[in-house]
Amino acid sequence: MRVKSILSEGKQIQLATELVKLGARLQVLEASTSLSRERLVKLYKEVRGVSPPKGMLPYSEDWFMGWQPNMHSSLFVNIYNYLVQYAGVHDIEAIIKSYQLYLEHVQVNQLQRVLSFTRAWTLIRFIESNVLSVTPCVKCNGHFLVHSLDIQSNHICGLCHVPSRAGKTKQNSLKSKTKQQCAA
């Protein structure tokens, strides 16, 4: 018979609570804690006030290759790598702290949050399994996310070579029209 530690269980509940607050899906909670699915569902309902969303996690590595998702994902991965290398933070704790810093950066710079916690968690799993990797840009020397099997010798990042439609979202278009109407 396995003896359960109340302190250990409390830490697992605290971790799960923090993950739920950051927007983690149930599958992430199951993979990151030792709590049962039933306990996690109850905890999710208690913290969020609703049942956890159903369905599969986003799993396509191609999502991270779009211009805007790539910029946000590259930012997150660089924060994550820095914390792992220099702050001695690892595993789910490194993902949590990196995501919190990503959210702070987005808020301070008044940017749209593109990367959800679940996608950030998935991104780290893709990197750990060598599906995705980071490579330096030949122009700015910044490190950006790429497919691991792509030829990376002359990679130019999305910031040095911005696509013509980059940043032309519906939201930005509406803001631009509103500013023009106010000026008229």
Protein backbone atom coordinates (compact mmCIF):
# COMPACT_ATOMS: atom_id res chain seq x y z
CA MET A 1 0.00 0.00 0.00
CA ARG A 2 1.29 3.44 -0.95
CA VAL A 3 1.46 6.05 1.78
CA LYS A 4 0.28 9.46 0.62
CA SER A 5 1.94 12.53 1.99
CA ILE A 6 -0.46 15.36 2.80
CA LEU A 7 2.29 17.87 2.09
CA SER A 8 3.07 16.28 -1.28
CA GLU A 9 -0.61 16.23 -2.21
CA GLY A 10 -0.94 19.86 -1.15
CA LYS A 11 1.94 20.82 -3.45
CA GLN A 12 0.29 18.94 -6.32
CA ILE A 13 -3.01 20.77 -5.69
CA GLN A 14 -1.18 24.11 -5.57
CA LEU A 15 0.60 23.32 -8.86
CA ALA A 16 -2.64 22.25 -10.52
CA THR A 17 -4.39 25.41 -9.29
CA GLU A 18 -1.64 27.60 -10.72
CA LEU A 19 -1.82 25.75 -14.04
CA VAL A 20 -5.61 26.16 -14.21
CA LYS A 21 -5.29 29.91 -13.51
CA LEU A 22 -2.79 30.18 -16.39
CA GLY A 23 -5.28 28.47 -18.71
CA ALA A 24 -3.85 24.94 -18.89
CA ARG A 25 -6.13 22.28 -20.32
CA LEU A 26 -6.99 19.11 -18.40
CA GLN A 27 -4.50 17.00 -20.40
CA VAL A 28 -1.68 19.33 -19.31
CA LEU A 29 -2.78 19.01 -15.68
CA GLU A 30 -2.80 15.22 -15.95
CA ALA A 31 0.69 15.16 -17.46
CA SER A 32 2.11 17.65 -14.95
CA THR A 33 0.67 16.41 -11.65
CA SER A 34 0.05 13.11 -9.90
CA LEU A 35 -3.57 13.95 -9.05
CA SER A 36 -6.38 11.80 -10.39
CA ARG A 37 -8.47 12.98 -13.33
CA GLU A 38 -11.54 13.21 -11.08
CA ARG A 39 -9.73 15.47 -8.58
CA LEU A 40 -8.39 17.62 -11.40
CA VAL A 41 -11.87 18.05 -12.92
CA LYS A 42 -13.26 19.09 -9.50
CA LEU A 43 -10.36 21.47 -8.96
CA TYR A 44 -10.78 22.96 -12.45
CA LYS A 45 -14.49 23.57 -11.79
CA GLU A 46 -13.72 25.15 -8.42
CA VAL A 47 -11.05 27.49 -9.80
CA ARG A 48 -12.68 28.43 -13.13
CA GLY A 49 -16.34 27.97 -12.25
CA VAL A 50 -16.93 25.85 -15.37
CA SER A 51 -16.10 22.36 -16.55
CA PRO A 52 -12.80 21.92 -18.39
CA PRO A 53 -13.02 22.13 -22.19
CA LYS A 54 -13.28 18.85 -24.02
CA GLY A 55 -11.40 17.76 -27.09
CA MET A 56 -7.86 17.18 -28.19
CA LEU A 57 -4.97 19.50 -27.53
CA PRO A 58 -3.57 21.57 -30.38
CA TYR A 59 -0.89 19.30 -31.78
CA SER A 60 0.31 20.67 -35.11
CA GLU A 61 3.86 22.00 -35.08
CA ASP A 62 2.97 23.98 -38.23
CA TRP A 63 0.91 26.42 -36.12
CA PHE A 64 4.18 27.72 -34.63
CA MET A 65 5.55 28.55 -38.10
CA GLY A 66 3.06 31.33 -38.94
CA TRP A 67 4.62 34.80 -38.67
CA GLN A 68 2.88 36.06 -35.51
CA PRO A 69 2.78 32.71 -33.66
CA ASN A 70 6.47 32.23 -34.51
CA MET A 71 7.46 35.61 -33.06
CA HIS A 72 5.56 34.97 -29.82
CA SER A 73 6.71 31.35 -29.60
CA SER A 74 10.32 32.37 -30.22
CA LEU A 75 10.06 34.97 -27.45
CA PHE A 76 8.65 32.37 -25.07
CA VAL A 77 11.28 29.75 -25.96
CA ASN A 78 14.11 32.23 -25.45
CA ILE A 79 12.74 33.14 -22.02
CA TYR A 80 12.39 29.44 -21.21
CA ASN A 81 15.94 28.60 -22.35
CA TYR A 82 17.36 31.51 -20.34
CA LEU A 83 15.59 30.41 -17.15
CA VAL A 84 16.66 26.80 -17.57
CA GLN A 85 20.26 27.75 -18.32
CA TYR A 86 20.83 30.59 -15.85
CA ALA A 87 18.14 30.39 -13.15
CA GLY A 88 18.25 26.67 -12.53
CA VAL A 89 14.49 26.29 -13.06
CA HIS A 90 13.33 23.08 -14.74
CA ASP A 91 10.34 21.04 -15.90
CA ILE A 92 6.83 22.44 -15.43
CA GLU A 93 8.13 25.18 -13.12
CA ALA A 94 10.27 26.54 -15.96
CA ILE A 95 7.26 26.56 -18.29
CA ILE A 96 5.12 28.35 -15.68
CA LYS A 97 7.72 31.03 -14.93
CA SER A 98 8.52 31.53 -18.63
CA TYR A 99 4.86 31.88 -19.49
CA GLN A 100 4.33 34.41 -16.69
CA LEU A 101 7.24 36.48 -18.04
CA TYR A 102 5.81 36.16 -21.57
CA LEU A 103 2.44 37.47 -20.30
CA GLU A 104 4.17 40.39 -18.55
CA HIS A 105 6.01 41.28 -21.76
CA VAL A 106 2.79 41.16 -23.78
CA GLN A 107 0.96 43.33 -21.24
CA VAL A 108 3.73 45.92 -20.83
CA ASN A 109 4.06 46.29 -24.60
CA GLN A 110 0.29 46.29 -25.15
CA LEU A 111 0.46 43.34 -27.52
CA GLN A 112 -2.17 40.74 -28.26
CA ARG A 113 -1.54 37.47 -26.41
CA VAL A 114 -1.01 34.89 -29.14
CA LEU A 115 0.43 31.99 -27.17
CA SER A 116 -1.83 30.14 -24.73
CA PHE A 117 -0.33 28.20 -21.84
CA THR A 118 -1.32 24.90 -23.43
CA ARG A 119 0.41 25.86 -26.69
CA ALA A 120 3.51 26.95 -24.74
CA TRP A 121 3.55 23.57 -22.96
CA THR A 122 3.09 21.80 -26.30
CA LEU A 123 5.91 23.88 -27.80
CA ILE A 124 8.36 22.71 -25.15
CA ARG A 125 7.32 19.11 -25.79
CA PHE A 126 7.95 19.61 -29.54
CA ILE A 127 11.40 21.04 -28.79
CA GLU A 128 12.27 18.24 -26.35
CA SER A 129 11.28 15.65 -28.96
CA ASN A 130 13.32 17.44 -31.67
CA VAL A 131 10.32 18.24 -33.86
CA LEU A 132 11.08 21.96 -33.51
CA SER A 133 14.29 23.76 -32.61
CA VAL A 134 15.72 27.27 -32.44
CA THR A 135 18.31 28.62 -34.82
CA PRO A 136 20.08 31.99 -35.05
CA CYS A 137 19.07 34.53 -37.67
CA VAL A 138 21.96 35.40 -40.01
CA LYS A 139 21.05 39.11 -39.87
CA CYS A 140 20.23 39.87 -36.20
CA ASN A 141 21.67 36.74 -34.52
CA GLY A 142 18.44 36.35 -32.52
CA HIS A 143 17.24 32.77 -31.99
CA PHE A 144 13.99 31.80 -33.68
CA LEU A 145 11.82 28.73 -33.89
CA VAL A 146 12.12 26.47 -36.94
CA HIS A 147 11.25 22.92 -37.98
CA SER A 148 14.16 20.71 -36.90
CA LEU A 149 14.44 19.10 -40.33
CA ASP A 150 14.58 22.41 -42.24
CA ILE A 151 17.89 23.57 -43.64
CA GLN A 152 18.95 26.27 -41.21
CA SER A 153 22.27 27.55 -42.53
CA ASN A 154 20.94 30.87 -43.87
CA HIS A 155 17.82 31.41 -41.78
CA ILE A 156 16.45 34.96 -41.73
CA CYS A 157 13.90 35.52 -38.99
CA GLY A 158 10.43 37.02 -39.36
CA LEU A 159 11.53 40.28 -37.72
CA CYS A 160 14.35 40.91 -40.21
CA HIS A 161 12.17 39.85 -43.14
CA VAL A 162 8.63 40.89 -42.20
CA PRO A 163 5.98 39.48 -44.57
CA SER A 164 3.89 42.13 -46.35
CA ARG A 165 0.68 41.12 -44.52
CA ALA A 166 2.29 40.81 -41.08
CA GLY A 167 0.30 42.52 -38.35
CA LYS A 168 -2.66 43.19 -40.64
CA THR A 169 -5.23 41.61 -38.36
CA LYS A 170 -8.89 42.52 -38.29
CA GLN A 171 -8.39 44.14 -34.89
CA ASN A 172 -5.56 46.38 -36.17
CA SER A 173 -7.62 47.21 -39.25
CA LEU A 174 -10.54 48.33 -37.09
CA LYS A 175 -8.26 50.48 -34.89
CA SER A 176 -6.81 52.11 -37.99
CA LYS A 177 -10.27 52.88 -39.42
CA THR A 178 -11.43 54.29 -36.06
CA LYS A 179 -8.38 56.60 -35.87
CA GLN A 180 -9.01 57.80 -39.43
CA GLN A 181 -12.70 58.50 -38.66
CA CYS A 182 -11.76 60.40 -35.47
CA ALA A 183 -9.22 62.52 -37.38
CA ALA A 184 -11.78 63.43 -40.08
